Amino acid sequence: MNLLKEQIREYKELYDYKDILSYAVRKGYVHSLGNYLYISDGLLRDYVKRLKELGETFSVQDAKSVLGLSRKYLIPLLEYLDRTGIIRREGDVRRFVKGFML
């Protein structure tokens, strides 16, 4: 029984989810939205593409309708896009930054 506990402990250390997430973020496979929320690069790109189809500006409600996300997930996503320079908040709307790179 002691050997099994030791093996489990070693396995947890070797495959700690925090290490895996950190690695995925460093490699660009996953983006950290903050507050323990993560999004895959592919899904982020899809969301940005769908938001871009709304035009140069969009509201939170527009984004919610197009992406089908609750505010719990939508607001951290929009804040991440603000921080990374993809969009800029202007009052009640968001505007895509010209020449943004994803």
PDB file of N, CA and C in Angstrom:
ATOM      1  N   MET A   1       0.826  -1.196   0.000  1.00  0.00           N
ATOM      2  CA  MET A   1       0.000   0.000   0.000  1.00  0.00           C
ATOM      3  C   MET A   1       0.868   1.256   0.000  1.00  0.00           C
ATOM      4  N   ASN A   2       1.943   1.264   0.748  1.00  0.00           N
ATOM      5  CA  ASN A   2       2.836   2.410   0.788  1.00  0.00           C
ATOM      6  C   ASN A   2       3.458   2.696  -0.577  1.00  0.00           C
ATOM      7  N   LEU A   3       3.821   1.639  -1.294  1.00  0.00           N
ATOM      8  CA  LEU A   3       4.410   1.789  -2.617  1.00  0.00           C
ATOM      9  C   LEU A   3       3.415   2.443  -3.568  1.00  0.00           C
ATOM     10  N   LEU A   4       2.166   2.044  -3.498  1.00  0.00           N
ATOM     11  CA  LEU A   4       1.134   2.623  -4.348  1.00  0.00           C
ATOM     12  C   LEU A   4       0.973   4.119  -4.058  1.00  0.00           C
ATOM     13  N   LYS A   5       0.944   4.490  -2.800  1.00  0.00           N
ATOM     14  CA  LYS A   5       0.829   5.906  -2.441  1.00  0.00           C
ATOM     15  C   LYS A   5       2.010   6.697  -2.993  1.00  0.00           C
ATOM     16  N   GLU A   6       3.188   6.117  -2.910  1.00  0.00           N
ATOM     17  CA  GLU A   6       4.389   6.780  -3.421  1.00  0.00           C
ATOM     18  C   GLU A   6       4.299   6.951  -4.940  1.00  0.00           C
ATOM     19  N   GLN A   7       3.822   5.927  -5.635  1.00  0.00           N
ATOM     20  CA  GLN A   7       3.686   6.015  -7.085  1.00  0.00           C
ATOM     21  C   GLN A   7       2.655   7.079  -7.473  1.00  0.00           C
ATOM     22  N   ILE A   8       1.569   7.135  -6.736  1.00  0.00           N
ATOM     23  CA  ILE A   8       0.542   8.146  -7.006  1.00  0.00           C
ATOM     24  C   ILE A   8       1.112   9.540  -6.785  1.00  0.00           C
ATOM     25  N   ARG A   9       1.855   9.725  -5.728  1.00  0.00           N
ATOM     26  CA  ARG A   9       2.458  11.025  -5.438  1.00  0.00           C
ATOM     27  C   ARG A   9       3.416  11.430  -6.559  1.00  0.00           C
ATOM     28  N   GLU A  10       4.244  10.500  -7.004  1.00  0.00           N
ATOM     29  CA  GLU A  10       5.186  10.787  -8.084  1.00  0.00           C
ATOM     30  C   GLU A  10       4.448  11.124  -9.375  1.00  0.00           C
ATOM     31  N   TYR A  11       3.381  10.409  -9.645  1.00  0.00           N
ATOM     32  CA  TYR A  11       2.587  10.657 -10.848  1.00  0.00           C
ATOM     33  C   TYR A  11       1.997  12.064 -10.805  1.00  0.00           C
ATOM     34  N   LYS A  12       1.465  12.455  -9.645  1.00  0.00           N
ATOM     35  CA  LYS A  12       0.890  13.790  -9.504  1.00  0.00           C
ATOM     36  C   LYS A  12       1.946  14.860  -9.711  1.00  0.00           C
ATOM     37  N   GLU A  13       3.141  14.628  -9.189  1.00  0.00           N
ATOM     38  CA  GLU A  13       4.218  15.599  -9.365  1.00  0.00           C
ATOM     39  C   GLU A  13       4.650  15.677 -10.825  1.00  0.00           C
ATOM     40  N   LEU A  14       4.718  14.549 -11.465  1.00  0.00           N
ATOM     41  CA  LEU A  14       5.175  14.497 -12.843  1.00  0.00           C
ATOM     42  C   LEU A  14       4.165  15.114 -13.797  1.00  0.00           C
ATOM     43  N   TYR A  15       2.904  14.877 -13.539  1.00  0.00           N
ATOM     44  CA  TYR A  15       1.855  15.333 -14.442  1.00  0.00           C
ATOM     45  C   TYR A  15       0.926  16.334 -13.761  1.00  0.00           C
ATOM     46  N   ASP A  16       1.488  17.290 -13.083  1.00  0.00           N
ATOM     47  CA  ASP A  16       0.705  18.318 -12.420  1.00  0.00           C
ATOM     48  C   ASP A  16       0.011  19.164 -13.486  1.00  0.00           C
ATOM     49  N   TYR A  17      -1.297  19.325 -13.355  1.00  0.00           N
ATOM     50  CA  TYR A  17      -2.053  20.048 -14.372  1.00  0.00           C
ATOM     51  C   TYR A  17      -1.574  21.494 -14.514  1.00  0.00           C
ATOM     52  N   LYS A  18      -1.077  22.082 -13.448  1.00  0.00           N
ATOM     53  CA  LYS A  18      -0.582  23.455 -13.539  1.00  0.00           C
ATOM     54  C   LYS A  18       0.629  23.527 -14.460  1.00  0.00           C
ATOM     55  N   ASP A  19       1.497  22.530 -14.359  1.00  0.00           N
ATOM     56  CA  ASP A  19       2.665  22.484 -15.237  1.00  0.00           C
ATOM     57  C   ASP A  19       2.242  22.294 -16.685  1.00  0.00           C
ATOM     58  N   ILE A  20       1.264  21.444 -16.888  1.00  0.00           N
ATOM     59  CA  ILE A  20       0.784  21.183 -18.246  1.00  0.00           C
ATOM     60  C   ILE A  20       0.160  22.445 -18.832  1.00  0.00           C
ATOM     61  N   LEU A  21      -0.670  23.135 -18.046  1.00  0.00           N
ATOM     62  CA  LEU A  21      -1.277  24.378 -18.524  1.00  0.00           C
ATOM     63  C   LEU A  21      -0.223  25.443 -18.798  1.00  0.00           C
ATOM     64  N   SER A  22       0.744  25.564 -17.914  1.00  0.00           N
ATOM     65  CA  SER A  22       1.818  26.548 -18.116  1.00  0.00           C
ATOM     66  C   SER A  22       2.574  26.266 -19.404  1.00  0.00           C
ATOM     67  N   TYR A  23       2.867  24.999 -19.640  1.00  0.00           N
ATOM     68  CA  TYR A  23       3.557  24.602 -20.868  1.00  0.00           C
ATOM     69  C   TYR A  23       2.708  24.955 -22.091  1.00  0.00           C
ATOM     70  N   ALA A  24       1.418  24.632 -22.031  1.00  0.00           N
ATOM     71  CA  ALA A  24       0.523  24.900 -23.157  1.00  0.00           C
ATOM     72  C   ALA A  24       0.399  26.403 -23.421  1.00  0.00           C
ATOM     73  N   VAL A  25       0.380  27.200 -22.368  1.00  0.00           N
ATOM     74  CA  VAL A  25       0.318  28.659 -22.524  1.00  0.00           C
ATOM     75  C   VAL A  25       1.615  29.168 -23.149  1.00  0.00           C
ATOM     76  N   ARG A  26       2.763  28.695 -22.653  1.00  0.00           N
ATOM     77  CA  ARG A  26       4.062  29.126 -23.199  1.00  0.00           C
ATOM     78  C   ARG A  26       4.179  28.795 -24.679  1.00  0.00           C
ATOM     79  N   LYS A  27       3.670  27.649 -25.077  1.00  0.00           N
ATOM     80  CA  LYS A  27       3.755  27.219 -26.473  1.00  0.00           C
ATOM     81  C   LYS A  27       2.696  27.873 -27.362  1.00  0.00           C
ATOM     82  N   GLY A  28       1.708  28.546 -26.750  1.00  0.00           N
ATOM     83  CA  GLY A  28       0.668  29.212 -27.532  1.00  0.00           C
ATOM     84  C   GLY A  28      -0.502  28.321 -27.899  1.00  0.00           C
ATOM     85  N   TYR A  29      -0.564  27.129 -27.321  1.00  0.00           N
ATOM     86  CA  TYR A  29      -1.680  26.217 -27.593  1.00  0.00           C
ATOM     87  C   TYR A  29      -2.938  26.641 -26.846  1.00  0.00           C
ATOM     88  N   VAL A  30      -2.732  27.334 -25.728  1.00  0.00           N
ATOM     89  CA  VAL A  30      -3.809  27.733 -24.828  1.00  0.00           C
ATOM     90  C   VAL A  30      -3.529  29.163 -24.373  1.00  0.00           C
ATOM     91  N   HIS A  31      -4.588  29.923 -24.132  1.00  0.00           N
ATOM     92  CA  HIS A  31      -4.457  31.292 -23.636  1.00  0.00           C
ATOM     93  C   HIS A  31      -5.128  31.377 -22.276  1.00  0.00           C
ATOM     94  N   SER A  32      -4.479  32.058 -21.346  1.00  0.00           N
ATOM     95  CA  SER A  32      -5.035  32.250 -20.011  1.00  0.00           C
ATOM     96  C   SER A  32      -5.851  33.534 -19.992  1.00  0.00           C
ATOM     97  N   LEU A  33      -7.147  33.399 -19.710  1.00  0.00           N
ATOM     98  CA  LEU A  33      -8.024  34.561 -19.636  1.00  0.00           C
ATOM     99  C   LEU A  33      -7.997  35.191 -18.252  1.00  0.00           C
ATOM    100  N   GLY A  34      -7.363  34.512 -17.298  1.00  0.00           N
ATOM    101  CA  GLY A  34      -7.352  34.965 -15.910  1.00  0.00           C
ATOM    102  C   GLY A  34      -8.399  34.223 -15.112  1.00  0.00           C
ATOM    103  N   ASN A  35      -8.286  34.318 -13.795  1.00  0.00           N
ATOM    104  CA  ASN A  35      -9.242  33.650 -12.896  1.00  0.00           C
ATOM    105  C   ASN A  35      -9.424  32.167 -13.227  1.00  0.00           C
ATOM    106  N   TYR A  36      -8.330  31.512 -13.565  1.00  0.00           N
ATOM    107  CA  TYR A  36      -8.326  30.074 -13.851  1.00  0.00           C
ATOM    108  C   TYR A  36      -9.172  29.701 -15.065  1.00  0.00           C
ATOM    109  N   LEU A  37      -9.372  30.629 -15.974  1.00  0.00           N
ATOM    110  CA  LEU A  37     -10.087  30.347 -17.217  1.00  0.00           C
ATOM    111  C   LEU A  37      -9.073  30.281 -18.352  1.00  0.00           C
ATOM    112  N   TYR A  38      -9.185  29.243 -19.169  1.00  0.00           N
ATOM    113  CA  TYR A  38      -8.279  29.037 -20.288  1.00  0.00           C
ATOM    114  C   TYR A  38      -9.097  28.776 -21.544  1.00  0.00           C
ATOM    115  N   ILE A  39      -8.512  29.120 -22.696  1.00  0.00           N
ATOM    116  CA  ILE A  39      -9.168  28.884 -23.972  1.00  0.00           C
ATOM    117  C   ILE A  39      -8.114  28.388 -24.956  1.00  0.00           C
ATOM    118  N   SER A  40      -8.493  27.425 -25.770  1.00  0.00           N
ATOM    119  CA  SER A  40      -7.547  26.910 -26.761  1.00  0.00           C
ATOM    120  C   SER A  40      -7.315  27.964 -27.836  1.00  0.00           C
ATOM    121  N   ASP A  41      -6.170  27.901 -28.470  1.00  0.00           N
ATOM    122  CA  ASP A  41      -5.831  28.857 -29.512  1.00  0.00           C
ATOM    123  C   ASP A  41      -6.830  28.779 -30.662  1.00  0.00           C
ATOM    124  N   GLY A  42      -7.208  27.574 -31.039  1.00  0.00           N
ATOM    125  CA  GLY A  42      -8.155  27.405 -32.139  1.00  0.00           C
ATOM    126  C   GLY A  42      -9.509  28.022 -31.843  1.00  0.00           C
ATOM    127  N   LEU A  43      -9.998  27.814 -30.635  1.00  0.00           N
ATOM    128  CA  LEU A  43     -11.296  28.376 -30.260  1.00  0.00           C
ATOM    129  C   LEU A  43     -11.208  29.899 -30.170  1.00  0.00           C
ATOM    130  N   LEU A  44     -10.110  30.416 -29.640  1.00  0.00           N
ATOM    131  CA  LEU A  44      -9.931  31.868 -29.577  1.00  0.00           C
ATOM    132  C   LEU A  44      -9.970  32.467 -30.981  1.00  0.00           C
ATOM    133  N   ARG A  45      -9.255  31.859 -31.902  1.00  0.00           N
ATOM    134  CA  ARG A  45      -9.239  32.353 -33.284  1.00  0.00           C
ATOM    135  C   ARG A  45     -10.633  32.300 -33.906  1.00  0.00           C
ATOM    136  N   ASP A  46     -11.374  31.233 -33.622  1.00  0.00           N
ATOM    137  CA  ASP A  46     -12.741  31.113 -34.130  1.00  0.00           C
ATOM    138  C   ASP A  46     -13.624  32.221 -33.562  1.00  0.00           C
ATOM    139  N   TYR A  47     -13.515  32.470 -32.267  1.00  0.00           N
ATOM    140  CA  TYR A  47     -14.313  33.527 -31.637  1.00  0.00           C
ATOM    141  C   TYR A  47     -13.973  34.894 -32.223  1.00  0.00           C
ATOM    142  N   VAL A  48     -12.689  35.178 -32.423  1.00  0.00           N
ATOM    143  CA  VAL A  48     -12.285  36.465 -32.993  1.00  0.00           C
ATOM    144  C   VAL A  48     -12.838  36.600 -34.407  1.00  0.00           C
ATOM    145  N   LYS A  49     -12.779  35.542 -35.173  1.00  0.00           N
ATOM    146  CA  LYS A  49     -13.313  35.568 -36.543  1.00  0.00           C
ATOM    147  C   LYS A  49     -14.810  35.868 -36.525  1.00  0.00           C
ATOM    148  N   ARG A  50     -15.541  35.212 -35.626  1.00  0.00           N
ATOM    149  CA  ARG A  50     -16.986  35.425 -35.539  1.00  0.00           C
ATOM    150  C   ARG A  50     -17.315  36.837 -35.069  1.00  0.00           C
ATOM    151  N   LEU A  51     -16.514  37.372 -34.152  1.00  0.00           N
ATOM    152  CA  LEU A  51     -16.725  38.750 -33.712  1.00  0.00           C
ATOM    153  C   LEU A  51     -16.409  39.732 -34.838  1.00  0.00           C
ATOM    154  N   LYS A  52     -15.369  39.444 -35.597  1.00  0.00           N
ATOM    155  CA  LYS A  52     -14.973  40.315 -36.710  1.00  0.00           C
ATOM    156  C   LYS A  52     -16.088  40.399 -37.747  1.00  0.00           C
ATOM    157  N   GLU A  53     -16.857  39.328 -37.895  1.00  0.00           N
ATOM    158  CA  GLU A  53     -17.972  39.323 -38.846  1.00  0.00           C
ATOM    159  C   GLU A  53     -19.075  40.299 -38.443  1.00  0.00           C
ATOM    160  N   LEU A  54     -19.072  40.749 -37.181  1.00  0.00           N
ATOM    161  CA  LEU A  54     -20.044  41.743 -36.729  1.00  0.00           C
ATOM    162  C   LEU A  54     -19.717  43.134 -37.267  1.00  0.00           C
ATOM    163  N   GLY A  55     -18.491  43.336 -37.712  1.00  0.00           N
ATOM    164  CA  GLY A  55     -18.053  44.643 -38.187  1.00  0.00           C
ATOM    165  C   GLY A  55     -16.925  45.168 -37.319  1.00  0.00           C
ATOM    166  N   GLU A  56     -16.604  46.434 -37.509  1.00  0.00           N
ATOM    167  CA  GLU A  56     -15.484  47.031 -36.769  1.00  0.00           C
ATOM    168  C   GLU A  56     -15.795  47.237 -35.295  1.00  0.00           C
ATOM    169  N   THR A  57     -17.071  47.454 -34.963  1.00  0.00           N
ATOM    170  CA  THR A  57     -17.464  47.649 -33.569  1.00  0.00           C
ATOM    171  C   THR A  57     -18.586  46.684 -33.214  1.00  0.00           C
ATOM    172  N   PHE A  58     -18.664  46.363 -31.928  1.00  0.00           N
ATOM    173  CA  PHE A  58     -19.733  45.493 -31.445  1.00  0.00           C
ATOM    174  C   PHE A  58     -19.941  45.730 -29.960  1.00  0.00           C
ATOM    175  N   SER A  59     -21.137  45.417 -29.500  1.00  0.00           N
ATOM    176  CA  SER A  59     -21.461  45.553 -28.075  1.00  0.00           C
ATOM    177  C   SER A  59     -21.274  44.211 -27.378  1.00  0.00           C
ATOM    178  N   VAL A  60     -21.308  44.237 -26.064  1.00  0.00           N
ATOM    179  CA  VAL A  60     -21.232  42.998 -25.291  1.00  0.00           C
ATOM    180  C   VAL A  60     -22.407  42.099 -25.660  1.00  0.00           C
ATOM    181  N   GLN A  61     -23.584  42.687 -25.818  1.00  0.00           N
ATOM    182  CA  GLN A  61     -24.767  41.896 -26.175  1.00  0.00           C
ATOM    183  C   GLN A  61     -24.608  41.260 -27.556  1.00  0.00           C
ATOM    184  N   ASP A  62     -24.034  42.000 -28.511  1.00  0.00           N
ATOM    185  CA  ASP A  62     -23.760  41.436 -29.840  1.00  0.00           C
ATOM    186  C   ASP A  62     -22.846  40.218 -29.714  1.00  0.00           C
ATOM    187  N   ALA A  63     -21.775  40.374 -28.938  1.00  0.00           N
ATOM    188  CA  ALA A  63     -20.813  39.279 -28.754  1.00  0.00           C
ATOM    189  C   ALA A  63     -21.481  38.088 -28.082  1.00  0.00           C
ATOM    190  N   LYS A  64     -22.303  38.359 -27.093  1.00  0.00           N
ATOM    191  CA  LYS A  64     -23.004  37.287 -26.381  1.00  0.00           C
ATOM    192  C   LYS A  64     -23.906  36.510 -27.334  1.00  0.00           C
ATOM    193  N   SER A  65     -24.612  37.223 -28.198  1.00  0.00           N
ATOM    194  CA  SER A  65     -25.514  36.572 -29.154  1.00  0.00           C
ATOM    195  C   SER A  65     -24.754  35.723 -30.165  1.00  0.00           C
ATOM    196  N   VAL A  66     -23.667  36.263 -30.674  1.00  0.00           N
ATOM    197  CA  VAL A  66     -22.903  35.556 -31.712  1.00  0.00           C
ATOM    198  C   VAL A  66     -22.144  34.357 -31.155  1.00  0.00           C
ATOM    199  N   LEU A  67     -21.554  34.516 -29.976  1.00  0.00           N
ATOM    200  CA  LEU A  67     -20.723  33.444 -29.421  1.00  0.00           C
ATOM    201  C   LEU A  67     -21.502  32.470 -28.552  1.00  0.00           C
ATOM    202  N   GLY A  68     -22.663  32.884 -28.055  1.00  0.00           N
ATOM    203  CA  GLY A  68     -23.463  32.000 -27.213  1.00  0.00           C
ATOM    204  C   GLY A  68     -22.852  31.749 -25.844  1.00  0.00           C
ATOM    205  N   LEU A  69     -22.068  32.699 -25.359  1.00  0.00           N
ATOM    206  CA  LEU A  69     -21.424  32.555 -24.053  1.00  0.00           C
ATOM    207  C   LEU A  69     -22.194  33.331 -22.997  1.00  0.00           C
ATOM    208  N   SER A  70     -22.142  32.840 -21.775  1.00  0.00           N
ATOM    209  CA  SER A  70     -22.700  33.606 -20.661  1.00  0.00           C
ATOM    210  C   SER A  70     -21.714  34.718 -20.317  1.00  0.00           C
ATOM    211  N   ARG A  71     -22.174  35.726 -19.589  1.00  0.00           N
ATOM    212  CA  ARG A  71     -21.300  36.832 -19.191  1.00  0.00           C
ATOM    213  C   ARG A  71     -20.119  36.344 -18.351  1.00  0.00           C
ATOM    214  N   LYS A  72     -20.315  35.252 -17.627  1.00  0.00           N
ATOM    215  CA  LYS A  72     -19.247  34.689 -16.788  1.00  0.00           C
ATOM    216  C   LYS A  72     -17.993  34.393 -17.614  1.00  0.00           C
ATOM    217  N   TYR A  73     -18.185  33.938 -18.848  1.00  0.00           N
ATOM    218  CA  TYR A  73     -17.061  33.604 -19.721  1.00  0.00           C
ATOM    219  C   TYR A  73     -16.786  34.695 -20.753  1.00  0.00           C
ATOM    220  N   LEU A  74     -17.833  35.404 -21.159  1.00  0.00           N
ATOM    221  CA  LEU A  74     -17.679  36.421 -22.192  1.00  0.00           C
ATOM    222  C   LEU A  74     -16.834  37.606 -21.724  1.00  0.00           C
ATOM    223  N   ILE A  75     -17.111  38.112 -20.535  1.00  0.00           N
ATOM    224  CA  ILE A  75     -16.387  39.292 -20.051  1.00  0.00           C
ATOM    225  C   ILE A  75     -14.885  39.010 -19.913  1.00  0.00           C
ATOM    226  N   PRO A  76     -14.463  37.887 -19.305  1.00  0.00           N
ATOM    227  CA  PRO A  76     -13.014  37.605 -19.282  1.00  0.00           C
ATOM    228  C   PRO A  76     -12.409  37.473 -20.684  1.00  0.00           C
ATOM    229  N   LEU A  77     -13.170  36.916 -21.631  1.00  0.00           N
ATOM    230  CA  LEU A  77     -12.684  36.807 -23.005  1.00  0.00           C
ATOM    231  C   LEU A  77     -12.474  38.198 -23.600  1.00  0.00           C
ATOM    232  N   LEU A  78     -13.455  39.072 -23.455  1.00  0.00           N
ATOM    233  CA  LEU A  78     -13.329  40.425 -24.000  1.00  0.00           C
ATOM    234  C   LEU A  78     -12.210  41.200 -23.313  1.00  0.00           C
ATOM    235  N   GLU A  79     -12.065  41.026 -22.012  1.00  0.00           N
ATOM    236  CA  GLU A  79     -10.970  41.693 -21.296  1.00  0.00           C
ATOM    237  C   GLU A  79      -9.611  41.192 -21.784  1.00  0.00           C
ATOM    238  N   TYR A  80      -9.517  39.898 -22.084  1.00  0.00           N
ATOM    239  CA  TYR A  80      -8.273  39.341 -22.628  1.00  0.00           C
ATOM    240  C   TYR A  80      -7.975  39.966 -23.998  1.00  0.00           C
ATOM    241  N   LEU A  81      -9.003  40.066 -24.833  1.00  0.00           N
ATOM    242  CA  LEU A  81      -8.816  40.674 -26.152  1.00  0.00           C
ATOM    243  C   LEU A  81      -8.422  42.143 -26.020  1.00  0.00           C
ATOM    244  N   ASP A  82      -8.945  42.831 -25.002  1.00  0.00           N
ATOM    245  CA  ASP A  82      -8.527  44.214 -24.711  1.00  0.00           C
ATOM    246  C   ASP A  82      -7.046  44.253 -24.331  1.00  0.00           C
ATOM    247  N   ARG A  83      -6.651  43.390 -23.391  1.00  0.00           N
ATOM    248  CA  ARG A  83      -5.259  43.377 -22.888  1.00  0.00           C
ATOM    249  C   ARG A  83      -4.250  43.053 -23.975  1.00  0.00           C
ATOM    250  N   THR A  84      -4.642  42.196 -24.903  1.00  0.00           N
ATOM    251  CA  THR A  84      -3.698  41.758 -25.934  1.00  0.00           C
ATOM    252  C   THR A  84      -3.711  42.653 -27.167  1.00  0.00           C
ATOM    253  N   GLY A  85      -4.522  43.708 -27.147  1.00  0.00           N
ATOM    254  CA  GLY A  85      -4.509  44.670 -28.242  1.00  0.00           C
ATOM    255  C   GLY A  85      -5.287  44.258 -29.472  1.00  0.00           C
ATOM    256  N   ILE A  86      -6.146  43.280 -29.348  1.00  0.00           N
ATOM    257  CA  ILE A  86      -6.963  42.857 -30.485  1.00  0.00           C
ATOM    258  C   ILE A  86      -8.173  43.775 -30.625  1.00  0.00           C
ATOM    259  N   ILE A  87      -8.763  44.126 -29.487  1.00  0.00           N
ATOM    260  CA  ILE A  87      -9.871  45.075 -29.480  1.00  0.00           C
ATOM    261  C   ILE A  87      -9.565  46.171 -28.465  1.00  0.00           C
ATOM    262  N   ARG A  88     -10.350  47.234 -28.545  1.00  0.00           N
ATOM    263  CA  ARG A  88     -10.227  48.337 -27.595  1.00  0.00           C
ATOM    264  C   ARG A  88     -11.638  48.722 -27.159  1.00  0.00           C
ATOM    265  N   ARG A  89     -11.818  48.890 -25.879  1.00  0.00           N
ATOM    266  CA  ARG A  89     -13.124  49.283 -25.357  1.00  0.00           C
ATOM    267  C   ARG A  89     -13.291  50.789 -25.513  1.00  0.00           C
ATOM    268  N   GLU A  90     -14.419  51.169 -26.075  1.00  0.00           N
ATOM    269  CA  GLU A  90     -14.758  52.586 -26.245  1.00  0.00           C
ATOM    270  C   GLU A  90     -16.176  52.784 -25.721  1.00  0.00           C
ATOM    271  N   GLY A  91     -16.294  53.086 -24.454  1.00  0.00           N
ATOM    272  CA  GLY A  91     -17.622  53.231 -23.842  1.00  0.00           C
ATOM    273  C   GLY A  91     -18.321  51.887 -23.761  1.00  0.00           C
ATOM    274  N   ASP A  92     -19.475  51.802 -24.402  1.00  0.00           N
ATOM    275  CA  ASP A  92     -20.264  50.568 -24.368  1.00  0.00           C
ATOM    276  C   ASP A  92     -19.965  49.620 -25.521  1.00  0.00           C
ATOM    277  N   VAL A  93     -19.044  49.988 -26.397  1.00  0.00           N
ATOM    278  CA  VAL A  93     -18.726  49.121 -27.536  1.00  0.00           C
ATOM    279  C   VAL A  93     -17.255  48.749 -27.522  1.00  0.00           C
ATOM    280  N   ARG A  94     -16.948  47.698 -28.254  1.00  0.00           N
ATOM    281  CA  ARG A  94     -15.559  47.290 -28.485  1.00  0.00           C
ATOM    282  C   ARG A  94     -15.263  47.550 -29.958  1.00  0.00           C
ATOM    283  N   ARG A  95     -14.045  47.965 -30.225  1.00  0.00           N
ATOM    284  CA  ARG A  95     -13.605  48.232 -31.593  1.00  0.00           C
ATOM    285  C   ARG A  95     -12.347  47.415 -31.862  1.00  0.00           C
ATOM    286  N   PHE A  96     -12.304  46.792 -33.033  1.00  0.00           N
ATOM    287  CA  PHE A  96     -11.098  46.065 -33.413  1.00  0.00           C
ATOM    288  C   PHE A  96      -9.975  47.057 -33.688  1.00  0.00           C
ATOM    289  N   VAL A  97      -8.789  46.737 -33.218  1.00  0.00           N
ATOM    290  CA  VAL A  97      -7.610  47.562 -33.456  1.00  0.00           C
ATOM    291  C   VAL A  97      -7.120  47.248 -34.861  1.00  0.00           C
ATOM    292  N   LYS A  98      -6.865  48.289 -35.628  1.00  0.00           N
ATOM    293  CA  LYS A  98      -6.410  48.078 -37.012  1.00  0.00           C
ATOM    294  C   LYS A  98      -5.075  47.353 -37.012  1.00  0.00           C
ATOM    295  N   GLY A  99      -4.971  46.363 -37.871  1.00  0.00           N
ATOM    296  CA  GLY A  99      -3.729  45.623 -38.013  1.00  0.00           C
ATOM    297  C   GLY A  99      -3.407  44.683 -36.865  1.00  0.00           C
ATOM    298  N   PHE A 100      -4.426  44.312 -36.068  1.00  0.00           N
ATOM    299  CA  PHE A 100      -4.157  43.399 -34.951  1.00  0.00           C
ATOM    300  C   PHE A 100      -3.636  42.069 -35.476  1.00  0.00           C
ATOM    301  N   MET A 101      -2.804  41.448 -34.680  1.00  0.00           N
ATOM    302  CA  MET A 101      -2.241  40.139 -35.030  1.00  0.00           C
ATOM    303  C   MET A 101      -2.709  39.121 -34.016  1.00  0.00           C
ATOM    304  N   LEU A 102      -3.126  37.993 -34.497  1.00  0.00           N
ATOM    305  CA  LEU A 102      -3.559  36.915 -33.602  1.00  0.00           C
ATOM    306  C   LEU A 102      -2.691  35.709 -33.808  1.00  0.00           C
TER     307      LEU A 102
END
